[in-house]
C-alpha atoms as a PDB file:
ATOM      1  CA  MET A   1     -11.983  13.466  -3.965  1.00  0.00           C
ATOM      2  CA  TYR A   2      -9.662  11.072  -5.774  1.00  0.00           C
ATOM      3  CA  ASN A   3      -7.264  11.187  -8.716  1.00  0.00           C
ATOM      4  CA  VAL A   4      -7.679   9.929 -12.249  1.00  0.00           C
ATOM      5  CA  ALA A   5      -5.185   9.851 -15.095  1.00  0.00           C
ATOM      6  CA  GLN A   6      -5.310  12.407 -17.889  1.00  0.00           C
ATOM      7  CA  VAL A   7      -3.243  12.136 -21.068  1.00  0.00           C
ATOM      8  CA  THR A   8      -1.713  15.228 -22.669  1.00  0.00           C
ATOM      9  CA  ASP A   9      -2.314  14.575 -26.365  1.00  0.00           C
ATOM     10  CA  GLU A  10       0.675  16.647 -27.511  1.00  0.00           C
ATOM     11  CA  LYS A  11       3.088  14.582 -25.390  1.00  0.00           C
ATOM     12  CA  CYS A  12       1.591  11.138 -26.075  1.00  0.00           C
ATOM     13  CA  VAL A  13       3.681   9.106 -28.532  1.00  0.00           C
ATOM     14  CA  ALA A  14       1.170   6.301 -29.141  1.00  0.00           C
ATOM     15  CA  LYS A  15       1.269   7.204 -32.837  1.00  0.00           C
ATOM     16  CA  LYS A  16       4.930   6.108 -32.795  1.00  0.00           C
ATOM     17  CA  GLY A  17       4.020   2.723 -31.339  1.00  0.00           C
ATOM     18  CA  CYS A  18       4.151   3.351 -27.583  1.00  0.00           C
ATOM     19  CA  ARG A  19       1.235   1.695 -25.800  1.00  0.00           C
ATOM     20  CA  LEU A  20       2.880   1.133 -22.404  1.00  0.00           C
ATOM     21  CA  CYS A  21       0.151   2.833 -20.383  1.00  0.00           C
ATOM     22  CA  ILE A  22      -2.544   0.803 -22.139  1.00  0.00           C
ATOM     23  CA  MET A  23      -0.662  -2.469 -21.642  1.00  0.00           C
ATOM     24  CA  TYR A  24       0.142  -1.924 -17.970  1.00  0.00           C
ATOM     25  CA  CYS A  25      -3.223  -0.554 -16.807  1.00  0.00           C
ATOM     26  CA  PRO A  26      -4.757  -3.174 -14.483  1.00  0.00           C
ATOM     27  CA  GLU A  27      -8.324  -1.944 -15.071  1.00  0.00           C
ATOM     28  CA  ALA A  28      -9.963  -3.411 -18.173  1.00  0.00           C
ATOM     29  CA  ASN A  29     -10.979  -0.874 -20.829  1.00  0.00           C
ATOM     30  CA  CYS A  30      -9.740   2.057 -18.769  1.00  0.00           C
ATOM     31  CA  LEU A  31      -7.027   3.208 -21.173  1.00  0.00           C
ATOM     32  CA  ASP A  32      -7.703   2.800 -24.877  1.00  0.00           C
ATOM     33  CA  LEU A  33      -6.128   4.002 -28.083  1.00  0.00           C
ATOM     34  CA  ASN A  34      -8.064   6.780 -29.770  1.00  0.00           C
ATOM     35  CA  SER A  35      -7.569   5.619 -33.354  1.00  0.00           C
ATOM     36  CA  GLU A  36      -8.569   8.980 -34.835  1.00  0.00           C
ATOM     37  CA  LYS A  37      -6.044  11.061 -32.866  1.00  0.00           C
ATOM     38  CA  MET A  38      -3.630   8.125 -32.296  1.00  0.00           C
ATOM     39  CA  VAL A  39      -3.185   8.924 -28.601  1.00  0.00           C
ATOM     40  CA  ALA A  40      -3.987   7.060 -25.415  1.00  0.00           C
ATOM     41  CA  GLU A  41      -7.320   8.054 -23.904  1.00  0.00           C
ATOM     42  CA  VAL A  42      -8.567   7.522 -20.342  1.00  0.00           C
ATOM     43  CA  VAL A  43     -12.129   6.439 -19.610  1.00  0.00           C
ATOM     44  CA  ILE A  44     -12.533   8.558 -16.476  1.00  0.00           C
ATOM     45  CA  ASN A  45     -15.348   6.596 -14.875  1.00  0.00           C
ATOM     46  CA  ARG A  46     -13.223   3.403 -15.023  1.00  0.00           C
ATOM     47  CA  CYS A  47      -9.927   4.885 -13.760  1.00  0.00           C
ATOM     48  CA  LYS A  48      -9.132   3.912 -10.170  1.00  0.00           C
ATOM     49  CA  GLY A  49      -6.226   6.340  -9.756  1.00  0.00           C
ATOM     50  CA  CYS A  50      -3.555   3.689  -9.197  1.00  0.00           C
ATOM     51  CA  GLU A  51      -0.994   5.801 -11.140  1.00  0.00           C
ATOM     52  CA  LEU A  52       0.609   2.778 -12.811  1.00  0.00           C
ATOM     53  CA  CYS A  53       0.114   4.352 -16.244  1.00  0.00           C
ATOM     54  CA  LYS A  54       1.871   7.510 -15.041  1.00  0.00           C
ATOM     55  CA  VAL A  55       4.770   5.485 -13.635  1.00  0.00           C
ATOM     56  CA  VAL A  56       5.409   3.638 -16.913  1.00  0.00           C
ATOM     57  CA  CYS A  57       4.935   6.782 -19.003  1.00  0.00           C
ATOM     58  CA  ASP A  58       7.389   8.734 -16.816  1.00  0.00           C
ATOM     59  CA  ALA A  59       9.884   5.828 -16.884  1.00  0.00           C
ATOM     60  CA  ALA A  60       9.784   5.947 -20.691  1.00  0.00           C
ATOM     61  CA  LYS A  61      10.557   9.708 -20.457  1.00  0.00           C
ATOM     62  CA  HIS A  62       7.319  10.728 -22.194  1.00  0.00           C
ATOM     63  CA  ASP A  63       5.672  12.467 -19.214  1.00  0.00           C
ATOM     64  CA  ALA A  64       2.329  12.511 -21.055  1.00  0.00           C
ATOM     65  CA  ILE A  65       0.147  11.467 -18.104  1.00  0.00           C
ATOM     66  CA  GLN A  66      -0.875  13.649 -15.175  1.00  0.00           C
ATOM     67  CA  MET A  67      -3.084  12.771 -12.254  1.00  0.00           C
ATOM     68  CA  VAL A  68      -6.059  15.110 -11.860  1.00  0.00           C
ATOM     69  CA  ALA A  69      -8.487  15.287  -8.964  1.00  0.00           C
ATOM     70  CA  VAL A  70     -12.135  14.370  -9.452  1.00  0.00           C
ATOM     71  CA  SER A  71     -14.784  15.747  -7.127  1.00  0.00           C
ATOM     72  CA  ALA A  72     -17.570  13.670  -5.581  1.00  0.00           C
ATOM     73  CA  ASN A  73     -19.904  14.611  -8.444  1.00  0.00           C
ATOM     74  CA  GLY A  74     -17.419  13.360 -11.077  1.00  0.00           C
ATOM     75  CA  ALA A  75     -16.164  16.735 -12.301  1.00  0.00           C
ATOM     76  CA  LEU A  76     -12.456  17.178 -13.034  1.00  0.00           C
ATOM     77  CA  MET A  77     -10.736  19.702 -10.806  1.00  0.00           C
ATOM     78  CA  ASP A  78      -7.766  21.990 -11.485  1.00  0.00           C
ATOM     79  CA  LYS A  79      -5.313  20.359  -9.085  1.00  0.00           C
ATOM     80  CA  ALA A  80      -4.410  16.828  -8.045  1.00  0.00           C
ATOM     81  CA  GLY A  81      -5.806  15.414  -4.827  1.00  0.00           C
ATOM     82  CA  GLU A  82      -4.319  12.826  -2.511  1.00  0.00           C
ATOM     83  CA  ALA A  83      -2.895   9.634  -3.945  1.00  0.00           C
ATOM     84  CA  ALA A  84      -4.780   6.503  -2.969  1.00  0.00           C
ATOM     85  CA  GLY A  85      -3.139   4.250  -0.410  1.00  0.00           C
ATOM     86  CA  LEU A  86      -2.003   0.797  -1.473  1.00  0.00           C
ATOM     87  CA  GLY A  87      -5.126  -1.166  -2.353  1.00  0.00           C
ATOM     88  CA  GLN A  88      -7.427   1.732  -1.481  1.00  0.00           C
ATOM     89  CA  ALA A  89      -8.272   2.446  -5.105  1.00  0.00           C
ATOM     90  CA  TYR A  90      -9.741  -1.024  -5.576  1.00  0.00           C
ATOM     91  CA  GLN A  91     -11.947  -1.174  -2.505  1.00  0.00           C
ATOM     92  CA  GLY A  92     -15.696  -1.316  -3.204  1.00  0.00           C
END
């Protein structure tokens, strides 16, 4: 089990110009702007659970990103799991 980011659409202020989570995400094409809803959107199978998007979103006082646990079969779970150790999220 590991964590991935999930954006709460109602709290996301991307429509007002905020794209901090998208800019700071170190994984290419993991966070993108959904141009129809004008909110940030996570590509779950690319997210490594580093929580950098959550850190910048919380620092901006938007609190629109939560970390959610993913089971071994790729299904989202109700509660968050353990945070990855430094560098653990990027190991093979």
